[in-house]
N, C-alpha and C. Protein backbone atom coordinates (compact mmCIF):
# COMPACT_ATOMS: atom_id res chain seq x y z
N UNK A 1 20.75 0.48 2.00
CA UNK A 1 19.71 -0.20 1.15
C UNK A 1 20.10 -0.80 -0.11
N UNK A 2 21.16 -0.42 -0.69
CA UNK A 2 21.66 -1.11 -1.88
C UNK A 2 21.81 -2.50 -1.65
N UNK A 3 22.43 -2.94 -0.53
CA UNK A 3 22.72 -4.33 -0.30
C UNK A 3 21.35 -5.11 -0.22
N UNK A 4 20.35 -4.52 0.44
CA UNK A 4 19.03 -5.07 0.55
C UNK A 4 18.39 -5.51 -0.85
N UNK A 5 18.69 -4.65 -1.80
CA UNK A 5 18.18 -4.78 -3.15
C UNK A 5 18.66 -6.17 -3.81
N UNK A 6 19.89 -6.70 -3.37
CA UNK A 6 20.46 -7.78 -3.86
C UNK A 6 19.85 -9.07 -3.28
N UNK A 7 19.12 -9.06 -2.20
CA UNK A 7 18.51 -10.16 -1.58
C UNK A 7 17.18 -10.43 -2.08
N UNK A 8 16.76 -11.77 -2.05
CA UNK A 8 15.48 -12.23 -2.47
C UNK A 8 14.42 -11.84 -1.45
N UNK A 9 13.13 -11.86 -1.75
CA UNK A 9 12.20 -11.61 -0.80
C UNK A 9 12.29 -12.76 0.25
N UNK A 10 12.40 -14.04 -0.10
CA UNK A 10 12.38 -15.18 0.78
C UNK A 10 13.59 -14.97 1.77
N UNK A 11 14.77 -14.54 1.28
CA UNK A 11 15.92 -14.42 2.10
C UNK A 11 15.58 -13.38 3.21
N UNK A 12 15.00 -12.25 2.85
CA UNK A 12 14.66 -11.12 3.86
C UNK A 12 13.55 -11.77 4.78
N UNK A 13 12.67 -12.49 4.35
CA UNK A 13 11.70 -13.13 5.14
C UNK A 13 12.27 -14.07 6.25
N UNK A 14 13.10 -14.91 5.78
CA UNK A 14 13.89 -15.81 6.73
C UNK A 14 14.68 -15.10 7.71
N UNK A 15 15.25 -13.95 7.37
CA UNK A 15 16.14 -13.09 8.22
C UNK A 15 15.22 -12.58 9.31
N UNK A 16 14.11 -12.02 8.85
CA UNK A 16 13.19 -11.38 9.81
C UNK A 16 12.63 -12.40 10.71
N UNK A 17 12.40 -13.57 10.35
CA UNK A 17 11.94 -14.73 11.16
C UNK A 17 12.88 -14.92 12.31
N UNK A 18 14.22 -15.16 11.83
CA UNK A 18 15.35 -15.54 12.92
C UNK A 18 15.38 -14.39 13.79
N UNK A 19 15.22 -13.07 13.50
CA UNK A 19 15.29 -11.96 14.35
C UNK A 19 14.12 -11.75 15.28
N UNK A 20 13.08 -12.61 14.95
CA UNK A 20 11.76 -12.50 15.81
C UNK A 20 10.85 -11.52 15.28
N UNK A 21 10.95 -10.90 13.98
CA UNK A 21 10.10 -10.00 13.60
C UNK A 21 9.07 -10.61 12.62
N UNK A 22 7.86 -10.12 12.69
CA UNK A 22 6.80 -10.50 11.86
C UNK A 22 6.69 -9.56 10.72
N UNK A 23 7.63 -9.74 9.65
CA UNK A 23 7.78 -8.94 8.59
C UNK A 23 7.24 -9.23 7.33
N UNK A 24 6.46 -10.48 7.36
CA UNK A 24 5.79 -10.96 6.31
C UNK A 24 4.38 -10.48 6.23
N UNK A 25 4.15 -9.84 5.20
CA UNK A 25 2.62 -9.33 4.95
C UNK A 25 1.78 -10.48 4.33
N UNK A 26 1.07 -11.16 5.18
CA UNK A 26 0.39 -12.36 4.75
C UNK A 26 -0.67 -12.04 4.00
N UNK A 27 -0.89 -12.70 2.94
CA UNK A 27 -2.08 -12.43 2.04
C UNK A 27 -1.96 -11.36 1.08
N UNK A 28 -0.86 -10.50 1.10
CA UNK A 28 -0.64 -9.36 0.26
C UNK A 28 0.38 -9.93 -0.80
N UNK A 29 -0.22 -9.64 -2.18
CA UNK A 29 0.48 -10.27 -3.30
C UNK A 29 0.71 -9.09 -4.34
N UNK A 30 1.76 -9.11 -5.20
CA UNK A 30 1.83 -8.08 -6.25
C UNK A 30 1.05 -8.46 -7.34
N UNK A 31 0.58 -7.43 -8.09
CA UNK A 31 -0.15 -7.57 -9.32
C UNK A 31 0.71 -8.30 -10.42
N UNK A 32 1.96 -8.04 -10.40
CA UNK A 32 2.98 -8.61 -11.22
C UNK A 32 4.14 -9.17 -10.50
N UNK A 33 4.42 -10.49 -10.73
CA UNK A 33 5.59 -11.06 -9.89
C UNK A 33 6.82 -10.40 -10.08
N UNK A 34 7.01 -9.53 -10.94
CA UNK A 34 8.18 -8.74 -11.21
C UNK A 34 8.38 -7.51 -10.37
N UNK A 35 7.11 -7.10 -9.68
CA UNK A 35 7.21 -5.77 -9.00
C UNK A 35 7.99 -6.01 -7.63
N UNK A 36 8.80 -5.04 -7.36
CA UNK A 36 9.68 -5.02 -6.05
C UNK A 36 9.47 -3.70 -5.42
N UNK A 37 9.49 -3.67 -4.20
CA UNK A 37 9.42 -2.40 -3.44
C UNK A 37 10.47 -2.18 -2.34
N UNK A 38 10.84 -1.07 -2.26
CA UNK A 38 11.71 -0.67 -1.10
C UNK A 38 11.73 0.86 -0.94
N UNK A 39 11.72 1.37 0.26
CA UNK A 39 11.53 2.76 0.50
C UNK A 39 10.85 3.25 1.70
N UNK A 40 10.80 4.52 1.98
CA UNK A 40 10.16 4.97 3.04
C UNK A 40 8.60 4.62 3.06
N UNK A 41 7.96 4.33 4.06
CA UNK A 41 6.59 4.17 4.08
C UNK A 41 5.91 5.44 4.35
N UNK A 42 4.84 5.77 3.51
CA UNK A 42 3.90 6.83 3.79
C UNK A 42 2.53 6.20 4.26
N UNK A 43 2.28 6.01 5.57
CA UNK A 43 1.22 5.07 6.03
C UNK A 43 0.03 5.92 6.13
N UNK A 44 -1.12 5.15 6.06
CA UNK A 44 -2.50 5.60 6.36
C UNK A 44 -3.38 4.54 6.72
N UNK A 45 -4.45 4.92 7.57
CA UNK A 45 -5.39 4.00 8.00
C UNK A 45 -6.67 4.51 7.65
N UNK A 46 -7.50 3.50 7.02
CA UNK A 46 -8.82 3.81 6.51
C UNK A 46 -9.77 3.14 7.50
N UNK A 47 -11.02 3.87 7.70
CA UNK A 47 -12.06 3.31 8.54
C UNK A 47 -13.36 3.53 7.82
N UNK A 48 -14.40 2.67 8.30
CA UNK A 48 -15.75 2.75 7.63
C UNK A 48 -16.24 4.39 7.84
N UNK A 49 -16.91 4.72 6.74
CA UNK A 49 -17.22 6.16 6.64
C UNK A 49 -18.23 6.53 7.89
N UNK A 50 -18.17 7.63 8.29
CA UNK A 50 -19.10 8.26 9.35
C UNK A 50 -20.30 8.72 8.57
N UNK A 51 -21.00 9.50 9.24
CA UNK A 51 -22.47 9.97 8.64
C UNK A 51 -22.24 10.36 7.28
N UNK A 52 -21.35 11.24 6.92
CA UNK A 52 -21.20 11.66 5.53
C UNK A 52 -20.23 10.86 4.77
N UNK A 53 -20.43 10.93 3.40
CA UNK A 53 -19.57 10.14 2.46
C UNK A 53 -18.00 10.64 2.61
N UNK A 54 -17.12 9.74 2.33
CA UNK A 54 -15.72 10.11 2.43
C UNK A 54 -15.08 9.94 1.12
N UNK A 55 -13.93 10.45 0.96
CA UNK A 55 -13.15 10.28 -0.25
C UNK A 55 -11.94 9.29 0.09
N UNK A 56 -11.23 8.81 -0.93
CA UNK A 56 -10.22 7.94 -0.62
C UNK A 56 -8.79 8.43 -1.19
N UNK A 57 -8.79 9.44 -1.95
CA UNK A 57 -7.43 9.87 -2.54
C UNK A 57 -6.99 11.22 -2.29
N UNK A 58 -7.51 11.96 -1.41
CA UNK A 58 -7.10 13.25 -1.05
C UNK A 58 -5.72 13.55 -0.55
N UNK A 59 -5.09 12.45 -0.04
CA UNK A 59 -3.63 12.64 0.34
C UNK A 59 -2.66 12.63 -0.55
N UNK A 60 -2.88 12.18 -1.88
CA UNK A 60 -1.89 11.91 -2.89
C UNK A 60 -0.90 12.95 -3.11
N UNK A 61 -1.27 14.22 -3.07
CA UNK A 61 -0.35 15.23 -3.20
C UNK A 61 0.67 15.39 -2.05
N UNK A 62 0.31 14.80 -0.87
CA UNK A 62 1.28 14.86 0.24
C UNK A 62 2.34 13.84 0.31
N UNK A 63 2.32 12.85 -0.62
CA UNK A 63 3.26 11.73 -0.55
C UNK A 63 4.48 12.27 -1.20
N UNK A 64 5.59 12.11 -0.61
CA UNK A 64 6.97 12.53 -1.32
C UNK A 64 7.30 11.54 -2.43
N UNK A 65 7.93 11.99 -3.48
CA UNK A 65 8.41 11.16 -4.40
C UNK A 65 9.39 10.02 -3.85
N UNK A 66 9.19 8.83 -4.38
CA UNK A 66 10.02 7.60 -3.86
C UNK A 66 9.33 6.95 -2.73
N UNK A 67 8.47 7.53 -1.95
CA UNK A 67 7.91 6.78 -0.82
C UNK A 67 6.87 5.76 -1.31
N UNK A 68 6.84 4.87 -0.38
CA UNK A 68 5.81 3.74 -0.68
C UNK A 68 4.47 4.02 0.05
N UNK A 69 3.38 4.15 -0.57
CA UNK A 69 2.12 4.21 -0.01
C UNK A 69 1.60 3.01 0.67
N UNK A 70 1.26 3.06 2.04
CA UNK A 70 0.98 1.79 2.58
C UNK A 70 -0.46 1.99 3.22
N UNK A 71 -1.40 1.42 2.80
CA UNK A 71 -2.87 1.63 3.16
C UNK A 71 -3.37 0.53 4.09
N UNK A 72 -3.59 0.77 5.26
CA UNK A 72 -4.32 -0.24 6.13
C UNK A 72 -5.85 -0.08 5.96
N UNK A 73 -6.50 -0.90 5.23
CA UNK A 73 -7.81 -1.01 4.98
C UNK A 73 -8.54 -2.16 5.79
N UNK A 74 -7.79 -2.70 6.67
CA UNK A 74 -8.24 -3.81 7.65
C UNK A 74 -8.62 -5.11 6.77
N UNK A 75 -7.90 -5.22 5.74
CA UNK A 75 -8.29 -6.41 4.83
C UNK A 75 -9.49 -6.34 4.27
N UNK A 76 -10.43 -5.30 4.25
CA UNK A 76 -11.73 -5.34 3.73
C UNK A 76 -11.72 -5.85 2.25
N UNK A 77 -12.58 -6.73 1.85
CA UNK A 77 -12.69 -7.25 0.56
C UNK A 77 -14.00 -6.77 -0.12
N UNK A 78 -14.79 -5.89 0.58
CA UNK A 78 -16.13 -5.42 0.06
C UNK A 78 -15.99 -4.03 -0.60
N UNK A 79 -14.74 -3.50 -0.74
CA UNK A 79 -14.57 -2.19 -1.28
C UNK A 79 -13.09 -1.85 -1.63
N UNK A 80 -12.90 -1.05 -2.57
CA UNK A 80 -11.53 -0.77 -2.91
C UNK A 80 -10.97 0.56 -2.35
N UNK A 81 -9.78 0.79 -2.38
CA UNK A 81 -9.25 2.22 -1.89
C UNK A 81 -8.16 2.63 -2.79
N UNK A 82 -8.04 2.03 -4.08
CA UNK A 82 -7.14 2.38 -4.94
C UNK A 82 -7.62 2.08 -6.25
N UNK A 83 -7.37 2.96 -7.34
CA UNK A 83 -7.78 2.74 -8.71
C UNK A 83 -6.84 3.44 -9.72
N UNK A 84 -7.26 3.53 -11.03
CA UNK A 84 -6.47 3.92 -11.96
C UNK A 84 -6.04 5.48 -11.95
N UNK A 85 -6.92 6.24 -11.33
CA UNK A 85 -6.61 7.64 -11.18
C UNK A 85 -5.43 7.88 -10.17
N UNK A 86 -5.43 7.17 -9.00
CA UNK A 86 -4.40 7.13 -8.16
C UNK A 86 -3.19 6.62 -8.72
N UNK A 87 -3.27 5.56 -9.46
CA UNK A 87 -2.08 4.92 -10.11
C UNK A 87 -1.49 5.90 -10.92
N UNK A 88 -2.34 6.58 -11.84
CA UNK A 88 -1.72 7.51 -12.87
C UNK A 88 -1.02 8.69 -12.07
N UNK A 89 -1.65 9.34 -11.15
CA UNK A 89 -1.13 10.35 -10.35
C UNK A 89 0.28 9.89 -9.57
N UNK A 90 0.17 8.83 -8.97
CA UNK A 90 1.28 8.28 -8.35
C UNK A 90 2.53 7.99 -9.13
N UNK A 91 2.20 7.38 -10.25
CA UNK A 91 3.36 7.16 -11.28
C UNK A 91 3.85 8.42 -11.81
N UNK A 92 3.00 9.49 -12.21
CA UNK A 92 3.51 10.63 -12.65
C UNK A 92 4.33 11.47 -11.62
N UNK A 93 4.00 11.27 -10.19
CA UNK A 93 4.75 12.01 -9.25
C UNK A 93 6.08 11.32 -8.74
N UNK A 94 6.23 10.09 -9.27
CA UNK A 94 7.37 9.27 -8.89
C UNK A 94 7.36 8.57 -7.40
N UNK A 95 6.06 8.35 -7.04
CA UNK A 95 5.92 7.58 -5.92
C UNK A 95 6.23 6.21 -6.17
N UNK A 96 7.02 5.44 -5.21
CA UNK A 96 7.56 4.19 -5.41
C UNK A 96 6.71 2.93 -5.54
N UNK A 97 5.43 3.10 -5.16
CA UNK A 97 4.47 1.90 -5.25
C UNK A 97 3.57 2.10 -4.19
N UNK A 98 2.55 1.11 -4.04
CA UNK A 98 1.46 1.07 -3.09
C UNK A 98 1.35 -0.37 -2.61
N UNK A 99 1.09 -0.44 -1.25
CA UNK A 99 0.75 -1.75 -0.53
C UNK A 99 -0.59 -1.41 0.23
N UNK A 100 -1.58 -2.41 -0.04
CA UNK A 100 -2.87 -2.26 0.47
C UNK A 100 -3.26 -3.48 1.17
N UNK A 101 -3.61 -3.28 2.54
CA UNK A 101 -4.26 -4.37 3.19
C UNK A 101 -5.70 -4.27 2.93
N UNK A 102 -6.18 -4.71 1.81
CA UNK A 102 -7.52 -4.61 1.28
C UNK A 102 -7.45 -4.75 -0.22
N UNK A 103 -8.33 -4.09 -0.88
CA UNK A 103 -8.59 -4.28 -2.37
C UNK A 103 -8.17 -3.10 -3.18
N UNK A 104 -7.91 -3.36 -4.50
CA UNK A 104 -7.55 -2.31 -5.37
C UNK A 104 -8.48 -2.55 -6.54
N UNK A 105 -8.55 -1.61 -7.51
CA UNK A 105 -9.25 -1.86 -8.88
C UNK A 105 -8.47 -1.23 -9.94
N UNK A 106 -8.96 -1.33 -11.05
CA UNK A 106 -8.42 -0.79 -12.30
C UNK A 106 -6.90 -1.22 -12.54
N UNK A 107 -6.64 -2.56 -12.31
CA UNK A 107 -5.31 -3.02 -12.34
C UNK A 107 -4.65 -2.86 -13.62
N UNK A 108 -5.36 -2.86 -14.78
CA UNK A 108 -4.70 -2.61 -16.07
C UNK A 108 -3.90 -1.42 -16.08
N UNK A 109 -4.18 -0.36 -15.45
CA UNK A 109 -3.39 0.83 -15.52
C UNK A 109 -2.06 0.57 -14.71
N UNK A 110 -2.05 0.00 -13.61
CA UNK A 110 -0.89 -0.34 -12.90
C UNK A 110 0.09 -1.24 -13.79
N UNK A 111 -0.39 -2.14 -14.47
CA UNK A 111 0.37 -3.12 -15.27
C UNK A 111 0.87 -2.34 -16.60
N UNK A 112 0.02 -1.42 -17.19
CA UNK A 112 0.42 -0.59 -18.16
C UNK A 112 1.56 0.26 -17.86
N UNK A 113 1.53 0.89 -16.77
CA UNK A 113 2.55 1.91 -16.31
C UNK A 113 3.68 1.22 -15.51
N UNK A 114 3.68 -0.09 -15.24
CA UNK A 114 4.50 -0.82 -14.48
C UNK A 114 4.76 -0.12 -13.05
N UNK A 115 3.48 0.18 -12.57
CA UNK A 115 3.50 0.97 -11.21
C UNK A 115 3.34 -0.23 -10.22
N UNK A 116 4.21 -0.45 -9.33
CA UNK A 116 4.29 -1.58 -8.27
C UNK A 116 2.99 -1.37 -7.30
N UNK A 117 2.09 -2.37 -7.54
CA UNK A 117 0.89 -2.47 -6.66
C UNK A 117 0.75 -3.67 -6.04
N UNK A 118 0.60 -3.81 -4.62
CA UNK A 118 0.45 -5.07 -3.90
C UNK A 118 -0.83 -5.02 -3.07
N UNK A 119 -1.62 -6.00 -3.15
CA UNK A 119 -2.98 -5.92 -2.29
C UNK A 119 -3.27 -7.32 -2.14
N UNK A 120 -4.55 -7.42 -1.34
CA UNK A 120 -5.06 -8.72 -1.08
C UNK A 120 -5.82 -9.32 -2.41
N UNK A 121 -6.23 -8.40 -3.26
CA UNK A 121 -6.90 -8.82 -4.55
C UNK A 121 -7.46 -7.46 -5.08
N UNK A 122 -8.33 -7.62 -6.14
CA UNK A 122 -8.97 -6.60 -6.82
C UNK A 122 -10.50 -6.82 -7.04
N UNK A 123 -11.06 -5.69 -7.10
CA UNK A 123 -12.65 -5.77 -7.35
C UNK A 123 -12.98 -4.50 -8.00
N UNK A 124 -14.24 -4.34 -8.39
CA UNK A 124 -14.68 -3.17 -8.99
C UNK A 124 -15.33 -2.16 -7.98
N UNK A 125 -15.66 -2.54 -6.87
CA UNK A 125 -16.49 -1.74 -6.00
C UNK A 125 -15.75 -0.74 -5.28
N UNK A 126 -16.03 0.63 -5.53
CA UNK A 126 -15.28 1.76 -4.93
C UNK A 126 -15.57 1.81 -3.46
N UNK A 127 -14.53 2.48 -2.83
CA UNK A 127 -14.60 2.79 -1.46
C UNK A 127 -15.08 4.19 -1.11
N UNK A 128 -15.32 5.01 -2.20
CA UNK A 128 -15.82 6.22 -2.09
C UNK A 128 -17.23 6.18 -1.43
N UNK A 129 -17.51 6.98 -0.30
CA UNK A 129 -18.67 7.01 0.46
C UNK A 129 -18.77 5.60 1.31
N UNK A 130 -17.76 4.90 1.37
CA UNK A 130 -17.85 3.68 2.24
C UNK A 130 -16.70 3.70 3.21
N UNK A 131 -15.57 4.20 2.87
CA UNK A 131 -14.46 4.36 3.95
C UNK A 131 -13.97 5.70 3.76
N UNK A 132 -13.16 6.22 4.85
CA UNK A 132 -12.49 7.47 4.83
C UNK A 132 -11.23 7.36 5.60
N UNK A 133 -10.44 8.29 5.33
CA UNK A 133 -9.11 8.41 5.87
C UNK A 133 -9.23 8.70 7.35
N UNK A 134 -8.78 7.88 8.21
CA UNK A 134 -8.67 8.10 9.72
C UNK A 134 -7.43 8.67 10.21
N UNK A 135 -6.24 8.31 9.62
CA UNK A 135 -5.02 8.88 10.01
C UNK A 135 -3.93 8.62 9.15
N UNK A 136 -2.97 9.61 9.02
CA UNK A 136 -1.77 9.57 8.19
C UNK A 136 -0.55 9.54 8.99
N UNK A 137 0.45 8.72 8.44
CA UNK A 137 1.73 8.63 9.10
C UNK A 137 1.70 8.12 10.58
N UNK A 138 0.94 7.08 10.72
CA UNK A 138 0.77 6.41 11.96
C UNK A 138 1.16 4.87 11.73
N UNK A 139 1.45 4.15 12.81
CA UNK A 139 1.77 2.68 12.62
C UNK A 139 0.47 2.00 12.20
N UNK A 140 0.63 1.22 11.13
CA UNK A 140 -0.52 0.44 10.68
C UNK A 140 -0.14 -1.08 10.56
N UNK A 141 -1.12 -1.86 10.31
CA UNK A 141 -0.98 -3.30 10.21
C UNK A 141 -1.34 -3.64 8.68
N UNK A 142 -0.32 -4.39 8.01
CA UNK A 142 -0.60 -4.82 6.69
C UNK A 142 -0.39 -6.33 6.69
N UNK A 143 -1.24 -7.19 6.47
CA UNK A 143 -1.26 -8.55 6.51
C UNK A 143 -0.64 -9.06 7.73
N UNK A 144 -0.80 -8.49 8.86
CA UNK A 144 -0.22 -8.91 10.05
C UNK A 144 1.06 -8.35 10.48
N UNK A 145 1.81 -7.57 9.54
CA UNK A 145 3.11 -6.93 9.70
C UNK A 145 2.78 -5.45 10.11
N UNK A 146 3.65 -5.09 11.15
CA UNK A 146 3.36 -3.66 11.67
C UNK A 146 4.32 -2.73 10.78
N UNK A 147 3.84 -1.71 10.11
CA UNK A 147 4.52 -0.80 9.44
C UNK A 147 4.57 0.53 10.10
N UNK A 148 5.84 1.08 10.25
CA UNK A 148 5.93 2.32 10.98
C UNK A 148 6.37 3.52 10.10
N UNK A 149 5.88 4.70 10.29
CA UNK A 149 6.12 5.94 9.55
C UNK A 149 7.21 6.57 10.38
N UNK A 150 8.30 6.78 9.95
CA UNK A 150 9.46 7.42 10.68
C UNK A 150 9.08 8.94 10.61
N UNK A 151 9.39 9.61 11.72
CA UNK A 151 9.03 11.08 11.79
C UNK A 151 10.16 11.99 11.15
N UNK A 152 11.16 11.39 10.94
CA UNK A 152 12.40 12.23 10.25
C UNK A 152 12.24 12.16 8.76
N UNK A 153 12.48 13.29 8.12
CA UNK A 153 12.49 13.46 6.75
C UNK A 153 13.80 14.00 6.30
């Protein structure tokens, strides 16, 4: 992993292309261009809420320090699945960062804490009572790239 840190994002993207892997998360951007991520993925898939309202952050205590939270919210732009409370808790717990195929909110806290956050964009509309957790540690799609959760710890 240390040698991977020395490579630029575009170099890694080109190498993945040559190997035939779709490793580029299209449409996903960092809040700050200085943010970089590497680490194990802690994956989750969100789905529209069923009959009763759902919560969006109950999983946070299960994420090991250093892991990268990867949230597949199917690119939804009409609600968020990440905000300042999750940013604060994740930064305090030493989580490596968050990647969302969808929206985040309260971006000021991420920038203040220098917590690496990548998403399609930001908005103020909460996902509470609009989406719910469908599955943890499953293969997800983030901007067209498949992200796998390895079973070994």
